[in-house]
Amino acid sequence: MAETPDPESDPRWDAVRAAARSRVPTPPGLVERVLRAVANNRRTELEVPGEAGRLRVTADVVDRLARTIAADGLLVSAVAVEDDVVQVLVSVRFGVVAGEAAEAFRRALTAELAGQLGVAWVVNVHVVDVHPG
């Protein structure tokens, strides 16, 4: 059985390492929004209206669903729910086209949430890291 080469020895990793050294500024207002959400105890769940009332779906449930349907080469790092918007942070395996993988995952998660719960929410997928695979 042939030994699998270490993906980090691939010279294309130099671009990833260079990008990792670049400072990424905190988006304007992010810290204030997070602090306000904590101070206001903002709802971190989705509500599904139904005949018998409302079903509350927590971020943990959405997180488990996201991890279950994540495609090969895509790892879910975190899921947050705020104001009926699902925010998902993912890392992609080196060599996977990040934008395409994130968009396919976003569509799949949106469809799964709609199929399971009958309501379509906004799902945003953010690629935050690259892993060797």
Protein backbone atom coordinates (compact mmCIF):
# COMPACT_ATOMS: atom_id res chain seq x y z
CA MET A 1 0.00 0.00 0.00
CA ALA A 2 1.50 3.32 -1.08
CA GLU A 3 2.04 5.92 1.61
CA THR A 4 -0.11 9.04 1.27
CA PRO A 5 2.04 12.18 0.90
CA ASP A 6 1.70 14.84 3.56
CA PRO A 7 -0.58 17.53 2.08
CA GLU A 8 1.24 20.21 4.04
CA SER A 9 4.39 19.51 2.02
CA ASP A 10 2.51 20.62 -1.12
CA PRO A 11 4.03 23.96 -2.23
CA ARG A 12 0.53 25.40 -2.70
CA TRP A 13 0.27 25.52 1.11
CA ASP A 14 2.62 28.52 0.98
CA ALA A 15 -0.33 30.65 -0.22
CA VAL A 16 -2.45 29.36 2.66
CA ARG A 17 0.29 30.10 5.18
CA ALA A 18 0.75 33.60 3.74
CA ALA A 19 -2.97 34.27 4.01
CA ALA A 20 -2.94 33.03 7.62
CA ARG A 21 -0.26 35.60 8.50
CA SER A 22 -2.39 38.46 7.16
CA ARG A 23 -4.35 40.35 9.78
CA VAL A 24 -8.09 40.20 9.23
CA PRO A 25 -9.84 43.21 10.74
CA THR A 26 -12.87 42.70 12.94
CA PRO A 27 -15.97 43.75 11.00
CA PRO A 28 -17.30 47.13 12.15
CA GLY A 29 -19.84 46.79 14.94
CA LEU A 30 -19.33 43.06 15.51
CA VAL A 31 -18.06 43.34 19.08
CA GLU A 32 -20.86 45.74 20.02
CA ARG A 33 -23.52 43.45 18.47
CA VAL A 34 -22.22 40.43 20.35
CA LEU A 35 -22.09 42.30 23.63
CA ARG A 36 -25.59 43.68 23.07
CA ALA A 37 -26.90 40.21 22.27
CA VAL A 38 -25.41 38.82 25.47
CA ALA A 39 -26.69 41.74 27.55
CA ASN A 40 -30.19 41.46 26.06
CA ASN A 41 -30.22 37.64 26.30
CA ARG A 42 -31.17 37.59 22.61
CA ARG A 43 -32.99 34.53 21.31
CA THR A 44 -30.61 31.95 19.88
CA GLU A 45 -33.19 29.60 18.45
CA LEU A 46 -35.47 29.38 15.47
CA GLU A 47 -39.24 29.34 15.87
CA VAL A 48 -41.45 27.17 13.73
CA PRO A 49 -45.11 28.19 13.74
CA GLY A 50 -47.60 25.33 13.88
CA GLU A 51 -51.23 24.56 14.54
CA ALA A 52 -50.53 23.66 18.18
CA GLY A 53 -48.21 26.59 18.84
CA ARG A 54 -44.58 27.33 18.15
CA LEU A 55 -41.73 24.85 18.06
CA ARG A 56 -38.39 26.26 19.17
CA VAL A 57 -35.35 24.80 17.45
CA THR A 58 -32.08 25.56 19.24
CA ALA A 59 -28.74 26.25 17.62
CA ASP A 60 -27.54 22.85 18.94
CA VAL A 61 -30.16 21.07 16.83
CA VAL A 62 -29.21 23.07 13.75
CA ASP A 63 -25.54 22.36 14.51
CA ARG A 64 -26.15 18.58 14.60
CA LEU A 65 -28.12 18.73 11.36
CA ALA A 66 -25.38 20.79 9.68
CA ARG A 67 -22.66 18.36 10.77
CA THR A 68 -24.74 15.42 9.53
CA ILE A 69 -25.17 16.79 6.01
CA ALA A 70 -21.74 18.42 5.61
CA ALA A 71 -20.12 17.08 2.45
CA ASP A 72 -16.77 15.35 2.26
CA GLY A 73 -14.03 17.96 2.46
CA LEU A 74 -16.12 20.34 4.56
CA LEU A 75 -16.03 20.52 8.36
CA VAL A 76 -18.53 22.52 10.40
CA SER A 77 -16.70 24.59 13.02
CA ALA A 78 -19.64 26.39 14.60
CA VAL A 79 -23.31 27.22 14.15
CA ALA A 80 -25.05 30.26 15.54
CA VAL A 81 -28.65 31.36 15.28
CA GLU A 82 -29.65 34.98 15.69
CA ASP A 83 -32.86 36.69 14.63
CA ASP A 84 -33.96 33.68 12.53
CA VAL A 85 -30.71 33.67 10.56
CA VAL A 86 -28.41 30.64 10.66
CA GLN A 87 -24.69 31.45 10.56
CA VAL A 88 -22.38 28.49 9.89
CA LEU A 89 -18.59 28.60 10.08
CA VAL A 90 -16.81 25.90 8.08
CA SER A 91 -13.32 24.83 7.14
CA VAL A 92 -12.57 23.21 3.81
CA ARG A 93 -10.08 20.51 2.95
CA PHE A 94 -7.09 21.79 1.03
CA GLY A 95 -7.77 21.41 -2.69
CA VAL A 96 -11.56 21.86 -2.41
CA VAL A 97 -12.93 24.95 -4.14
CA ALA A 98 -14.10 26.84 -1.06
CA GLY A 99 -16.79 29.03 -2.62
CA GLU A 100 -18.44 26.17 -4.49
CA ALA A 101 -18.36 23.84 -1.47
CA ALA A 102 -19.80 26.54 0.81
CA GLU A 103 -22.60 27.39 -1.62
CA ALA A 104 -23.55 23.75 -2.16
CA PHE A 105 -23.60 23.21 1.60
CA ARG A 106 -25.69 26.37 2.14
CA ARG A 107 -28.27 25.14 -0.38
CA ALA A 108 -28.32 21.65 1.15
CA LEU A 109 -28.75 22.95 4.71
CA THR A 110 -31.44 25.42 3.65
CA ALA A 111 -33.34 22.63 1.86
CA GLU A 112 -32.95 20.22 4.78
CA LEU A 113 -34.22 22.78 7.31
CA ALA A 114 -37.19 23.53 5.04
CA GLY A 115 -37.87 19.83 4.47
CA GLN A 116 -37.60 18.85 8.13
CA LEU A 117 -39.43 21.84 9.59
CA GLY A 118 -41.44 23.31 6.73
CA VAL A 119 -39.96 26.79 7.07
CA ALA A 120 -37.16 28.38 5.04
CA TRP A 121 -34.64 30.45 6.96
CA VAL A 122 -31.71 32.47 5.75
CA VAL A 123 -28.54 30.38 5.99
CA ASN A 124 -25.13 32.01 5.66
CA VAL A 125 -22.02 29.84 5.33
CA HIS A 126 -18.62 31.39 6.06
CA VAL A 127 -15.36 29.63 5.15
CA VAL A 128 -12.98 30.42 8.00
CA ASP A 129 -10.19 27.87 7.62
CA VAL A 130 -8.46 25.33 5.41
CA HIS A 131 -7.45 21.92 6.78
CA PRO A 132 -5.03 19.38 5.29
CA GLY A 133 -7.67 16.71 4.93
